[in-house]
Amino acid sequence: MVQLDRITQNPEVMGGKACIRGMRVTVGMIVGTNRGRSHDSTMSRPIFHIPNATTVLKALRYAAWRAEEREVALARG
């Protein structure tokens, strides 16, 4: 399981979406902002005034972990 020390979920904040701790920035916002960028580009630019690149990396790891947890029904051909 991914470390969730910087990711929180609260039904009263941003509709219960996963957010950066203490901020109203969702993991989805970070993923959307970084779509198509290289790792170095993502880590070298400020995003939503997040204090450090480690927090951004934790958000991306959380998103990847959630994507792995999703079950998808496959259509039979």
Protein backbone atom coordinates (compact mmCIF):
# COMPACT_ATOMS: atom_id res chain seq x y z
CA MET A 1 0.00 0.00 0.00
CA VAL A 2 1.20 3.49 -0.83
CA GLN A 3 2.04 5.85 2.05
CA LEU A 4 -0.87 8.24 2.48
CA ASP A 5 0.70 10.65 4.97
CA ARG A 6 0.17 13.65 2.68
CA ILE A 7 -3.14 12.63 1.13
CA THR A 8 -6.45 13.05 2.97
CA GLN A 9 -10.12 12.49 2.24
CA ASN A 10 -12.85 14.39 4.06
CA PRO A 11 -16.48 14.39 2.90
CA GLU A 12 -16.69 18.10 3.79
CA VAL A 13 -13.66 19.15 1.73
CA MET A 14 -13.78 19.16 -2.09
CA GLY A 15 -16.68 16.72 -2.10
CA GLY A 16 -14.66 14.00 -0.38
CA LYS A 17 -12.05 13.75 -3.13
CA ALA A 18 -8.48 12.86 -2.22
CA CYS A 19 -6.59 16.10 -1.44
CA ILE A 20 -3.15 17.26 -0.41
CA ARG A 21 -3.18 17.50 3.39
CA GLY A 22 -4.23 20.97 4.52
CA MET A 23 -4.97 22.19 1.01
CA ARG A 24 -7.98 22.29 -1.29
CA VAL A 25 -5.96 20.75 -4.12
CA THR A 26 -7.18 17.36 -5.29
CA VAL A 27 -5.05 14.51 -6.54
CA GLY A 28 -7.08 14.71 -9.74
CA MET A 29 -6.04 18.33 -10.25
CA ILE A 30 -2.38 17.34 -9.98
CA VAL A 31 -2.76 14.41 -12.35
CA GLY A 32 -4.60 16.59 -14.88
CA THR A 33 -2.01 19.35 -14.70
CA ASN A 34 0.86 16.93 -15.27
CA ARG A 35 -0.64 14.88 -18.09
CA GLY A 36 1.94 14.39 -20.84
CA ARG A 37 4.85 15.90 -18.92
CA SER A 38 8.12 14.17 -18.13
CA HIS A 39 9.01 13.29 -14.55
CA ASP A 40 11.76 15.96 -14.49
CA SER A 41 9.37 18.62 -15.82
CA THR A 42 6.74 17.71 -13.24
CA MET A 43 9.18 17.81 -10.34
CA SER A 44 10.88 21.05 -11.38
CA ARG A 45 7.89 23.39 -11.64
CA PRO A 46 5.61 24.74 -8.93
CA ILE A 47 2.08 23.36 -8.97
CA PHE A 48 -0.77 25.01 -7.05
CA HIS A 49 1.72 26.44 -4.53
CA ILE A 50 2.47 22.96 -3.19
CA PRO A 51 5.56 23.35 -1.01
CA ASN A 52 7.71 20.57 -2.46
CA ALA A 53 8.06 18.01 -5.21
CA THR A 54 7.78 15.12 -2.75
CA THR A 55 4.16 16.03 -2.11
CA VAL A 56 3.42 16.05 -5.84
CA LEU A 57 5.13 12.67 -6.21
CA LYS A 58 3.05 11.24 -3.33
CA ALA A 59 -0.13 12.46 -5.04
CA LEU A 60 0.90 10.80 -8.31
CA ARG A 61 1.75 7.57 -6.47
CA TYR A 62 -1.63 7.66 -4.76
CA ALA A 63 -3.36 8.07 -8.14
CA ALA A 64 -1.39 5.14 -9.58
CA TRP A 65 -2.27 2.99 -6.56
CA ARG A 66 -5.97 3.82 -6.94
CA ALA A 67 -5.85 3.00 -10.64
CA GLU A 68 -4.45 -0.45 -9.83
CA GLU A 69 -7.22 -1.08 -7.30
CA ARG A 70 -10.05 -0.58 -9.78
CA GLU A 71 -11.71 -3.70 -11.15
CA VAL A 72 -12.88 -3.56 -14.74
CA ALA A 73 -15.39 -5.98 -16.25
CA LEU A 74 -14.18 -7.19 -19.63
CA ALA A 75 -16.64 -7.84 -22.44
CA ARG A 76 -16.52 -11.32 -23.84
CA GLY A 77 -16.13 -11.51 -27.58
